[in-house]
Amino acid sequence: MAYQTLFVTPDDGEKYELKVTSRDALMWERSGRDNPSILDYLQRPSMSEAYRLGHIVAKRTQQFMGTLKEFEQSNDLVIGMGIDTDDEPDPTESAASADD
């Protein structure tokens, strides 16, 4: 189960997905004094927090090894909404077009 999927487009590479797991959410919640719970974040996501979460996941999965600032400066990020109950795509959802 993933709490959220983040879609990353690097300035100089292939697009990839980051699935935020409970371990990532725990690290994120512990990383800042004023962080809300992951469920609060999912109800009211912000880009700054999405980048912080994405950086945690990207480092864990070894898809990005630089600093948070470098991650922010070199990647575009799209926030996927909702909690994924499995890792398989939902066949009832239409596929996104190549122009999205």
Protein backbone atom coordinates (compact mmCIF):
# COMPACT_ATOMS: atom_id res chain seq x y z
CA MET A 1 0.00 0.00 0.00
CA ALA A 2 1.25 3.46 -0.86
CA TYR A 3 -0.07 6.62 0.73
CA GLN A 4 0.56 8.66 -2.40
CA THR A 5 2.27 8.51 -5.77
CA LEU A 6 4.46 11.38 -6.89
CA PHE A 7 5.28 11.72 -10.58
CA VAL A 8 8.77 13.10 -11.18
CA THR A 9 10.14 14.64 -14.37
CA PRO A 10 13.88 15.33 -14.08
CA ASP A 11 15.43 18.10 -16.16
CA ASP A 12 17.83 15.59 -17.71
CA GLY A 13 16.31 12.13 -17.53
CA GLU A 14 13.39 9.77 -17.77
CA LYS A 15 10.15 10.35 -15.88
CA TYR A 16 9.57 8.09 -12.89
CA GLU A 17 7.08 7.48 -10.08
CA LEU A 18 7.68 7.58 -6.35
CA LYS A 19 5.31 5.64 -4.11
CA VAL A 20 5.16 7.10 -0.58
CA THR A 21 5.04 4.23 1.93
CA SER A 22 4.50 4.20 5.68
CA ARG A 23 8.28 4.27 6.24
CA ASP A 24 8.57 7.41 4.13
CA ALA A 25 5.64 9.04 5.93
CA LEU A 26 7.25 8.26 9.29
CA MET A 27 10.59 9.77 8.23
CA TRP A 28 8.80 12.85 6.88
CA GLU A 29 6.70 13.31 10.04
CA ARG A 30 9.84 13.03 12.18
CA SER A 31 11.92 15.35 9.97
CA GLY A 32 10.19 18.58 10.93
CA ARG A 33 8.96 19.97 14.21
CA ASP A 34 5.77 21.41 12.70
CA ASN A 35 4.94 18.61 10.24
CA PRO A 36 1.30 17.53 10.24
CA SER A 37 0.41 13.86 10.18
CA ILE A 38 0.50 12.16 6.79
CA LEU A 39 -3.31 12.00 6.78
CA ASP A 40 -3.51 15.77 7.35
CA TYR A 41 -1.06 16.28 4.49
CA LEU A 42 -3.11 14.05 2.17
CA GLN A 43 -6.20 16.17 2.86
CA ARG A 44 -4.33 19.44 2.18
CA PRO A 45 -1.16 18.71 0.19
CA SER A 46 1.40 21.41 -0.46
CA MET A 47 4.17 21.45 -3.03
CA SER A 48 6.90 22.18 -0.50
CA GLU A 49 5.90 19.16 1.58
CA ALA A 50 5.45 17.02 -1.56
CA TYR A 51 9.04 17.83 -2.55
CA ARG A 52 10.24 16.94 0.95
CA LEU A 53 8.35 13.64 0.80
CA GLY A 54 9.55 12.98 -2.75
CA HIS A 55 13.15 13.57 -1.75
CA ILE A 56 12.83 11.05 1.10
CA VAL A 57 11.37 8.42 -1.23
CA ALA A 58 13.83 9.12 -4.05
CA LYS A 59 16.77 8.70 -1.68
CA ARG A 60 15.33 5.50 -0.17
CA THR A 61 14.84 4.02 -3.64
CA GLN A 62 18.21 5.38 -4.84
CA GLN A 63 16.64 7.29 -7.71
CA PHE A 64 18.13 10.59 -6.49
CA MET A 65 21.07 10.97 -4.11
CA GLY A 66 21.50 14.75 -3.92
CA THR A 67 20.21 17.28 -1.43
CA LEU A 68 16.60 18.43 -1.09
CA LYS A 69 17.55 21.75 -2.68
CA GLU A 70 19.08 19.92 -5.68
CA PHE A 71 15.96 17.73 -5.93
CA GLU A 72 13.74 20.84 -5.95
CA GLN A 73 15.88 22.61 -8.54
CA SER A 74 16.21 19.73 -10.99
CA ASN A 75 12.80 18.01 -10.96
CA ASP A 76 9.20 18.85 -11.75
CA LEU A 77 6.73 17.07 -9.52
CA VAL A 78 3.07 16.17 -9.90
CA ILE A 79 1.13 15.01 -6.87
CA GLY A 80 -1.02 11.90 -7.37
CA MET A 81 -4.09 12.06 -5.16
CA GLY A 82 -5.54 9.31 -2.97
CA ILE A 83 -4.23 6.27 -1.19
CA ASP A 84 -3.16 3.37 -3.41
CA THR A 85 -4.45 0.09 -2.02
CA ASP A 86 -2.19 -1.95 -4.28
CA ASP A 87 0.60 -1.45 -6.77
CA GLU A 88 -1.46 -2.48 -9.80
CA PRO A 89 -3.08 0.19 -11.99
CA ASP A 90 -6.84 0.52 -11.72
CA PRO A 91 -8.28 -0.81 -15.02
CA THR A 92 -11.40 1.35 -14.56
CA GLU A 93 -9.38 4.59 -14.75
CA SER A 94 -8.65 6.01 -18.18
CA ALA A 95 -5.00 6.29 -19.14
CA ALA A 96 -3.48 9.76 -19.19
CA SER A 97 -2.68 11.13 -22.62
CA ALA A 98 0.91 11.75 -23.70
CA ASP A 99 0.22 15.50 -23.62
CA ASP A 100 -0.48 15.51 -19.82
